[in-house]
Amino acid sequence: MKRILAVLVAAAALLFLDAAPVHASTVGGPRLLELLPGYDGGNAQAVNAAGVVVGNIRAADGRTVPVRWVDGQVTALELPSGYQGTAFDINSAGLIVGNIIRVNAPGANSQPVSWRPDGRLAWLAPSTTAATSSGWPAHRRPPTGLSSGSQTGR
């Protein structure tokens, strides 16, 4: 319990002192996650048992790109032209779920999507029983806590 608390405290310190997303682990401790060039912040949203982290990175104009971090190395997930998005969760098979929304489209609703382990996008049918309009499965709430914090500036 003390080790978990120490990792969380160290991760919180890194989270507020630097501009990059942080992944806290009881195995390797807190680790800053890299950003792609031209991006100044981001969010780590979830991690699976293999240590693959998903979330988003943010450009200076506020646009977000869904990403996956493997061993701290960032990879942008497929995103249609004119859209932004976030990856919210990843399972043990590497299937990622999230949402995307058209940029600069007043009144546009976010669309639930998934990304296959190879990063390819698959559109999910919006459903009041399968997913909320934000792309979240209806039986889950958005992640909360340290792993979903965001930072700006670098």
C-alpha atoms as a PDB file:
ATOM      1  CA  MET A   1       0.000   0.000   0.000  1.00  0.00           C
ATOM      2  CA  LYS A   2       2.863   2.382   0.836  1.00  0.00           C
ATOM      3  CA  ARG A   3       4.494   1.696  -2.570  1.00  0.00           C
ATOM      4  CA  ILE A   4       1.248   2.455  -4.421  1.00  0.00           C
ATOM      5  CA  LEU A   5       0.810   5.682  -2.463  1.00  0.00           C
ATOM      6  CA  ALA A   6       4.442   6.686  -3.171  1.00  0.00           C
ATOM      7  CA  VAL A   7       3.955   6.046  -6.895  1.00  0.00           C
ATOM      8  CA  LEU A   8       0.765   8.108  -6.921  1.00  0.00           C
ATOM      9  CA  VAL A   9       2.402  11.004  -5.056  1.00  0.00           C
ATOM     10  CA  ALA A  10       5.432  10.958  -7.384  1.00  0.00           C
ATOM     11  CA  ALA A  11       3.169  10.801 -10.439  1.00  0.00           C
ATOM     12  CA  ALA A  12       1.109  13.722  -9.132  1.00  0.00           C
ATOM     13  CA  ALA A  13       4.265  15.785  -8.715  1.00  0.00           C
ATOM     14  CA  LEU A  14       5.375  14.988 -12.273  1.00  0.00           C
ATOM     15  CA  LEU A  15       1.900  15.656 -13.603  1.00  0.00           C
ATOM     16  CA  PHE A  16       1.874  19.204 -12.259  1.00  0.00           C
ATOM     17  CA  LEU A  17       5.519  20.026 -12.994  1.00  0.00           C
ATOM     18  CA  ASP A  18       5.694  18.965 -16.635  1.00  0.00           C
ATOM     19  CA  ALA A  19       3.542  19.224 -19.744  1.00  0.00           C
ATOM     20  CA  ALA A  20       3.433  15.576 -20.748  1.00  0.00           C
ATOM     21  CA  PRO A  21       1.008  12.832 -19.778  1.00  0.00           C
ATOM     22  CA  VAL A  22       2.259  10.576 -16.982  1.00  0.00           C
ATOM     23  CA  HIS A  23       1.848   6.842 -16.510  1.00  0.00           C
ATOM     24  CA  ALA A  24       2.216   5.605 -12.936  1.00  0.00           C
ATOM     25  CA  SER A  25       3.048   1.964 -12.356  1.00  0.00           C
ATOM     26  CA  THR A  26       3.848  -0.056  -9.243  1.00  0.00           C
ATOM     27  CA  VAL A  27       6.463  -1.881 -11.339  1.00  0.00           C
ATOM     28  CA  GLY A  28       8.472   0.974 -12.831  1.00  0.00           C
ATOM     29  CA  GLY A  29       7.142   4.018 -10.985  1.00  0.00           C
ATOM     30  CA  PRO A  30       5.917   7.184 -12.694  1.00  0.00           C
ATOM     31  CA  ARG A  31       7.063   7.815 -16.253  1.00  0.00           C
ATOM     32  CA  LEU A  32       6.552  10.786 -18.550  1.00  0.00           C
ATOM     33  CA  LEU A  33       4.989   9.799 -21.858  1.00  0.00           C
ATOM     34  CA  GLU A  34       6.389  11.356 -25.012  1.00  0.00           C
ATOM     35  CA  LEU A  35       4.489  13.703 -27.304  1.00  0.00           C
ATOM     36  CA  LEU A  36       4.645  13.972 -31.079  1.00  0.00           C
ATOM     37  CA  PRO A  37       6.414  17.082 -32.455  1.00  0.00           C
ATOM     38  CA  GLY A  38       4.115  20.118 -32.473  1.00  0.00           C
ATOM     39  CA  TYR A  39       1.971  18.936 -29.544  1.00  0.00           C
ATOM     40  CA  ASP A  40       2.137  20.566 -26.119  1.00  0.00           C
ATOM     41  CA  GLY A  41       0.176  18.332 -23.739  1.00  0.00           C
ATOM     42  CA  GLY A  42      -2.154  15.428 -23.422  1.00  0.00           C
ATOM     43  CA  ASN A  43      -4.047  12.922 -21.304  1.00  0.00           C
ATOM     44  CA  ALA A  44      -3.280   9.363 -20.338  1.00  0.00           C
ATOM     45  CA  GLN A  45      -6.725   7.750 -19.971  1.00  0.00           C
ATOM     46  CA  ALA A  46      -6.207   3.995 -19.495  1.00  0.00           C
ATOM     47  CA  VAL A  47      -3.609   1.247 -19.407  1.00  0.00           C
ATOM     48  CA  ASN A  48      -4.034  -2.477 -20.056  1.00  0.00           C
ATOM     49  CA  ALA A  49      -2.276  -5.410 -18.370  1.00  0.00           C
ATOM     50  CA  ALA A  50       0.509  -5.322 -21.000  1.00  0.00           C
ATOM     51  CA  GLY A  51       1.315  -1.718 -20.035  1.00  0.00           C
ATOM     52  CA  VAL A  52      -0.061  -0.150 -23.228  1.00  0.00           C
ATOM     53  CA  VAL A  53      -1.391   3.326 -22.392  1.00  0.00           C
ATOM     54  CA  VAL A  54      -4.047   5.181 -24.415  1.00  0.00           C
ATOM     55  CA  GLY A  55      -5.328   8.753 -24.373  1.00  0.00           C
ATOM     56  CA  ASN A  56      -4.750  11.850 -26.458  1.00  0.00           C
ATOM     57  CA  ILE A  57      -2.231  14.560 -27.228  1.00  0.00           C
ATOM     58  CA  ARG A  58      -3.130  18.207 -27.738  1.00  0.00           C
ATOM     59  CA  ALA A  59      -1.923  20.659 -30.358  1.00  0.00           C
ATOM     60  CA  ALA A  60      -1.385  24.348 -29.563  1.00  0.00           C
ATOM     61  CA  ASP A  61      -4.735  25.123 -31.250  1.00  0.00           C
ATOM     62  CA  GLY A  62      -6.527  22.773 -28.799  1.00  0.00           C
ATOM     63  CA  ARG A  63      -7.174  19.996 -31.319  1.00  0.00           C
ATOM     64  CA  THR A  64      -6.721  16.505 -29.844  1.00  0.00           C
ATOM     65  CA  VAL A  65      -5.378  13.364 -31.481  1.00  0.00           C
ATOM     66  CA  PRO A  66      -6.014   9.878 -30.039  1.00  0.00           C
ATOM     67  CA  VAL A  67      -2.791   8.016 -29.271  1.00  0.00           C
ATOM     68  CA  ARG A  68      -1.320   4.823 -27.904  1.00  0.00           C
ATOM     69  CA  TRP A  69       1.934   4.607 -25.930  1.00  0.00           C
ATOM     70  CA  VAL A  70       3.898   1.331 -26.025  1.00  0.00           C
ATOM     71  CA  ASP A  71       7.004   1.358 -23.824  1.00  0.00           C
ATOM     72  CA  GLY A  72       6.632   5.143 -23.630  1.00  0.00           C
ATOM     73  CA  GLN A  73       6.721   5.566 -27.427  1.00  0.00           C
ATOM     74  CA  VAL A  74       3.718   7.487 -28.789  1.00  0.00           C
ATOM     75  CA  THR A  75       1.800   6.514 -31.936  1.00  0.00           C
ATOM     76  CA  ALA A  76      -1.145   8.487 -33.330  1.00  0.00           C
ATOM     77  CA  LEU A  77      -4.213   6.369 -34.028  1.00  0.00           C
ATOM     78  CA  GLU A  78      -6.043   6.661 -37.344  1.00  0.00           C
ATOM     79  CA  LEU A  79      -8.250   9.742 -37.523  1.00  0.00           C
ATOM     80  CA  PRO A  80     -10.343  10.935 -40.486  1.00  0.00           C
ATOM     81  CA  SER A  81      -9.403  14.310 -41.946  1.00  0.00           C
ATOM     82  CA  GLY A  82     -11.237  17.137 -40.166  1.00  0.00           C
ATOM     83  CA  TYR A  83     -11.771  15.196 -36.908  1.00  0.00           C
ATOM     84  CA  GLN A  84     -10.247  15.178 -33.442  1.00  0.00           C
ATOM     85  CA  GLY A  85     -10.675  12.566 -30.741  1.00  0.00           C
ATOM     86  CA  THR A  86      -9.628  10.664 -27.652  1.00  0.00           C
ATOM     87  CA  ALA A  87      -8.923   7.037 -26.840  1.00  0.00           C
ATOM     88  CA  PHE A  88     -10.606   6.151 -23.532  1.00  0.00           C
ATOM     89  CA  ASP A  89      -9.903   2.491 -22.832  1.00  0.00           C
ATOM     90  CA  ILE A  90      -7.931  -0.527 -24.054  1.00  0.00           C
ATOM     91  CA  ASN A  91      -8.512  -4.207 -23.376  1.00  0.00           C
ATOM     92  CA  SER A  92      -6.045  -7.094 -23.045  1.00  0.00           C
ATOM     93  CA  ALA A  93      -6.334  -7.859 -26.782  1.00  0.00           C
ATOM     94  CA  GLY A  94      -5.289  -4.298 -27.656  1.00  0.00           C
ATOM     95  CA  LEU A  95      -8.727  -3.149 -28.860  1.00  0.00           C
ATOM     96  CA  ILE A  96      -9.155   0.550 -28.069  1.00  0.00           C
ATOM     97  CA  VAL A  97     -12.430   2.469 -27.658  1.00  0.00           C
ATOM     98  CA  GLY A  98     -12.955   6.206 -27.740  1.00  0.00           C
ATOM     99  CA  ASN A  99     -14.708   8.938 -29.619  1.00  0.00           C
ATOM    100  CA  ILE A 100     -14.111  11.404 -32.414  1.00  0.00           C
ATOM    101  CA  ILE A 101     -15.830  14.642 -33.378  1.00  0.00           C
ATOM    102  CA  ARG A 102     -15.691  16.856 -36.446  1.00  0.00           C
ATOM    103  CA  VAL A 103     -13.526  19.942 -35.850  1.00  0.00           C
ATOM    104  CA  ASN A 104     -15.214  23.349 -36.278  1.00  0.00           C
ATOM    105  CA  ALA A 105     -18.669  21.847 -36.754  1.00  0.00           C
ATOM    106  CA  PRO A 106     -21.096  23.628 -34.411  1.00  0.00           C
ATOM    107  CA  GLY A 107     -23.636  21.211 -32.984  1.00  0.00           C
ATOM    108  CA  ALA A 108     -21.684  18.139 -34.098  1.00  0.00           C
ATOM    109  CA  ASN A 109     -22.057  15.086 -31.873  1.00  0.00           C
ATOM    110  CA  SER A 110     -19.120  12.919 -30.973  1.00  0.00           C
ATOM    111  CA  GLN A 111     -19.076   9.478 -32.554  1.00  0.00           C
ATOM    112  CA  PRO A 112     -18.110   6.287 -30.705  1.00  0.00           C
ATOM    113  CA  VAL A 113     -15.272   4.439 -32.409  1.00  0.00           C
ATOM    114  CA  SER A 114     -12.790   1.674 -31.824  1.00  0.00           C
ATOM    115  CA  TRP A 115      -9.255   1.156 -33.034  1.00  0.00           C
ATOM    116  CA  ARG A 116      -7.979  -2.301 -33.845  1.00  0.00           C
ATOM    117  CA  PRO A 117      -4.589  -3.363 -32.420  1.00  0.00           C
ATOM    118  CA  ASP A 118      -2.986  -2.217 -35.708  1.00  0.00           C
ATOM    119  CA  GLY A 119      -4.397   1.314 -35.137  1.00  0.00           C
ATOM    120  CA  ARG A 120      -7.100   1.196 -37.835  1.00  0.00           C
ATOM    121  CA  LEU A 121     -10.351   3.010 -37.055  1.00  0.00           C
ATOM    122  CA  ALA A 122     -13.749   1.287 -36.921  1.00  0.00           C
ATOM    123  CA  TRP A 123     -16.950   3.344 -36.577  1.00  0.00           C
ATOM    124  CA  LEU A 124     -19.378   2.101 -33.939  1.00  0.00           C
ATOM    125  CA  ALA A 125     -23.107   2.599 -34.305  1.00  0.00           C
ATOM    126  CA  PRO A 126     -24.400   5.088 -31.722  1.00  0.00           C
ATOM    127  CA  SER A 127     -26.827   3.385 -29.371  1.00  0.00           C
ATOM    128  CA  THR A 128     -28.492   4.382 -26.135  1.00  0.00           C
ATOM    129  CA  THR A 129     -27.856   0.885 -24.781  1.00  0.00           C
ATOM    130  CA  ALA A 130     -24.346   0.231 -26.131  1.00  0.00           C
ATOM    131  CA  ALA A 131     -22.717   3.653 -25.795  1.00  0.00           C
ATOM    132  CA  THR A 132     -23.475   7.176 -24.737  1.00  0.00           C
ATOM    133  CA  SER A 133     -23.201  10.069 -27.211  1.00  0.00           C
ATOM    134  CA  SER A 134     -19.730  10.794 -25.832  1.00  0.00           C
ATOM    135  CA  GLY A 135     -18.498   7.375 -26.959  1.00  0.00           C
ATOM    136  CA  TRP A 136     -18.479   5.878 -23.460  1.00  0.00           C
ATOM    137  CA  PRO A 137     -20.028   2.461 -22.958  1.00  0.00           C
ATOM    138  CA  ALA A 138     -23.306   3.039 -21.122  1.00  0.00           C
ATOM    139  CA  HIS A 139     -22.227   0.744 -18.266  1.00  0.00           C
ATOM    140  CA  ARG A 140     -19.012   2.762 -17.627  1.00  0.00           C
ATOM    141  CA  ARG A 141     -18.294   6.247 -16.501  1.00  0.00           C
ATOM    142  CA  PRO A 142     -15.315   8.247 -17.829  1.00  0.00           C
ATOM    143  CA  PRO A 143     -12.084   7.442 -15.995  1.00  0.00           C
ATOM    144  CA  THR A 144     -11.315   9.677 -13.072  1.00  0.00           C
ATOM    145  CA  GLY A 145      -8.310  10.315 -10.923  1.00  0.00           C
ATOM    146  CA  LEU A 146      -4.662  10.864 -11.585  1.00  0.00           C
ATOM    147  CA  SER A 147      -4.428   8.968 -14.871  1.00  0.00           C
ATOM    148  CA  SER A 148      -6.898  11.270 -16.604  1.00  0.00           C
ATOM    149  CA  GLY A 149      -5.247  14.596 -15.747  1.00  0.00           C
ATOM    150  CA  SER A 150      -4.146  16.979 -18.466  1.00  0.00           C
ATOM    151  CA  GLN A 151      -1.353  19.482 -18.794  1.00  0.00           C
ATOM    152  CA  THR A 152      -0.496  22.326 -21.161  1.00  0.00           C
ATOM    153  CA  GLY A 153       2.723  23.995 -22.252  1.00  0.00           C
ATOM    154  CA  ARG A 154       6.098  22.380 -22.633  1.00  0.00           C
END
